[in-house]
Protein backbone atom coordinates (compact mmCIF):
# COMPACT_ATOMS: atom_id res chain seq x y z
CA UNK A 1 0.00 0.00 0.00
CA UNK A 2 1.16 3.50 -0.84
CA UNK A 3 0.70 6.16 1.83
CA UNK A 4 0.55 9.75 0.57
CA UNK A 5 1.14 12.45 3.19
CA UNK A 6 0.23 16.05 2.44
CA UNK A 7 -2.78 18.32 2.20
CA UNK A 8 -5.76 17.81 -0.10
CA UNK A 9 -5.59 21.18 -1.83
CA UNK A 10 -1.85 21.07 -2.64
CA UNK A 11 -1.21 20.94 -6.40
CA UNK A 12 1.71 18.50 -6.02
CA UNK A 13 -0.40 16.18 -3.88
CA UNK A 14 -3.17 16.34 -6.49
CA UNK A 15 -0.67 15.36 -9.21
CA UNK A 16 0.55 12.41 -7.14
CA UNK A 17 -3.01 11.22 -6.45
CA UNK A 18 -3.88 11.56 -10.13
CA UNK A 19 -0.80 9.46 -11.01
CA UNK A 20 -1.81 6.66 -8.64
CA UNK A 21 -5.45 6.73 -9.80
CA UNK A 22 -4.45 6.71 -13.48
CA UNK A 23 -2.22 3.69 -12.95
CA UNK A 24 -4.70 1.89 -10.66
CA UNK A 25 -2.22 1.86 -7.78
CA UNK A 26 -3.94 1.61 -4.38
CA UNK A 27 -3.07 4.44 -2.03
CA UNK A 28 -4.25 6.14 1.10
CA UNK A 29 -4.13 9.92 1.62
CA UNK A 30 -3.26 11.35 4.99
CA UNK A 31 -4.00 15.06 5.27
CA UNK A 32 -1.64 16.85 7.66
CA UNK A 33 -4.44 19.19 8.70
CA UNK A 34 -6.61 16.28 9.88
CA UNK A 35 -3.87 13.96 11.10
CA UNK A 36 -0.53 15.68 11.71
CA UNK A 37 2.72 13.76 11.40
CA UNK A 38 4.53 13.20 14.67
CA UNK A 39 8.21 13.84 15.35
CA UNK A 40 9.09 10.15 15.08
CA UNK A 41 7.74 9.97 11.52
CA UNK A 42 9.41 13.22 10.58
CA UNK A 43 12.74 11.97 11.96
CA UNK A 44 12.39 8.84 9.80
CA UNK A 45 11.65 10.94 6.71
CA UNK A 46 14.60 13.21 7.47
CA UNK A 47 16.92 10.18 7.64
CA UNK A 48 15.81 9.14 4.17
CA UNK A 49 15.25 12.46 2.41
CA UNK A 50 17.41 14.88 4.38
CA UNK A 51 16.44 18.22 5.91
CA UNK A 52 17.14 20.20 2.75
CA UNK A 53 14.65 18.09 0.82
CA UNK A 54 11.91 17.86 3.44
CA UNK A 55 11.76 21.56 4.38
CA UNK A 56 9.57 23.44 1.91
CA UNK A 57 11.24 26.83 1.61
CA UNK A 58 8.59 27.95 -0.91
CA UNK A 59 5.59 27.39 1.34
CA UNK A 60 3.46 30.18 2.77
CA UNK A 61 4.22 28.83 6.24
CA UNK A 62 7.99 29.17 5.66
CA UNK A 63 7.69 32.66 4.18
CA UNK A 64 5.68 33.72 7.25
CA UNK A 65 8.62 32.97 9.57
CA UNK A 66 10.71 36.03 10.39
CA UNK A 67 14.05 35.98 8.55
CA UNK A 68 16.07 35.77 11.77
CA UNK A 69 13.94 32.84 13.01
CA UNK A 70 14.09 30.59 9.93
CA UNK A 71 15.46 27.14 10.83
CA UNK A 72 19.10 26.64 9.81
CA UNK A 73 20.53 23.58 11.53
CA UNK A 74 19.23 20.03 11.10
CA UNK A 75 17.84 20.12 14.65
CA UNK A 76 16.10 23.46 14.07
CA UNK A 77 14.58 22.11 10.85
CA UNK A 78 13.35 18.93 12.57
CA UNK A 79 11.85 20.94 15.41
CA UNK A 80 10.15 23.36 13.00
CA UNK A 81 8.68 20.49 10.94
CA UNK A 82 7.39 18.85 14.13
CA UNK A 83 5.71 22.08 15.24
CA UNK A 84 4.24 22.90 11.84
CA UNK A 85 3.61 20.12 9.30
CA UNK A 86 2.77 22.72 6.65
CA UNK A 87 6.51 23.35 6.40
CA UNK A 88 6.95 19.85 4.96
CA UNK A 89 7.44 19.65 1.20
CA UNK A 90 4.55 17.70 -0.28
CA UNK A 91 3.71 15.02 -0.99
CA UNK A 92 5.70 12.65 1.18
CA UNK A 93 5.03 9.20 -0.29
CA UNK A 94 5.85 6.01 1.58
CA UNK A 95 5.83 2.53 0.12
CA UNK A 96 5.24 -0.51 2.29
CA UNK A 97 9.00 -1.23 2.15
CA UNK A 98 9.52 2.19 3.85
CA UNK A 99 10.89 3.83 0.69
CA UNK A 100 10.20 7.56 0.99
CA UNK A 101 9.95 10.13 -1.79
CA UNK A 102 9.33 13.84 -1.35
CA UNK A 103 7.61 16.02 -3.92
CA UNK A 104 6.08 14.96 -7.22
CA UNK A 105 8.36 13.76 -10.02
CA UNK A 106 6.52 11.74 -12.66
CA UNK A 107 9.69 10.11 -14.01
CA UNK A 108 10.71 8.97 -10.53
CA UNK A 109 7.17 7.80 -9.77
CA UNK A 110 7.14 5.65 -12.92
CA UNK A 111 10.45 4.13 -11.89
CA UNK A 112 9.40 3.43 -8.30
CA UNK A 113 5.72 2.56 -8.59
CA UNK A 114 5.16 0.97 -12.01
């Protein structure tokens, strides 16, 4: 089973869901607004993807942070992601084998999921 983490109205999440539907790949969507990710999950994603990949520096939530308070270190990034899941780049997609991808990349999705 594929688990897609994100928010329903995110364009990248919509693209990922469309990909899975088009290819008849079963998935489950977890909306961060309804069911936030906990720090343990985020730590696991950070191990796989890295803080630079998981932190969405283009999000409204990130832009709202004062310049002198933006997370810099790995620990600061982890803590910020734990406090506010809307800082996480979307979608975060997990396969049953615990493979994690961040963001939507159709070429990568074809390689990993087809």
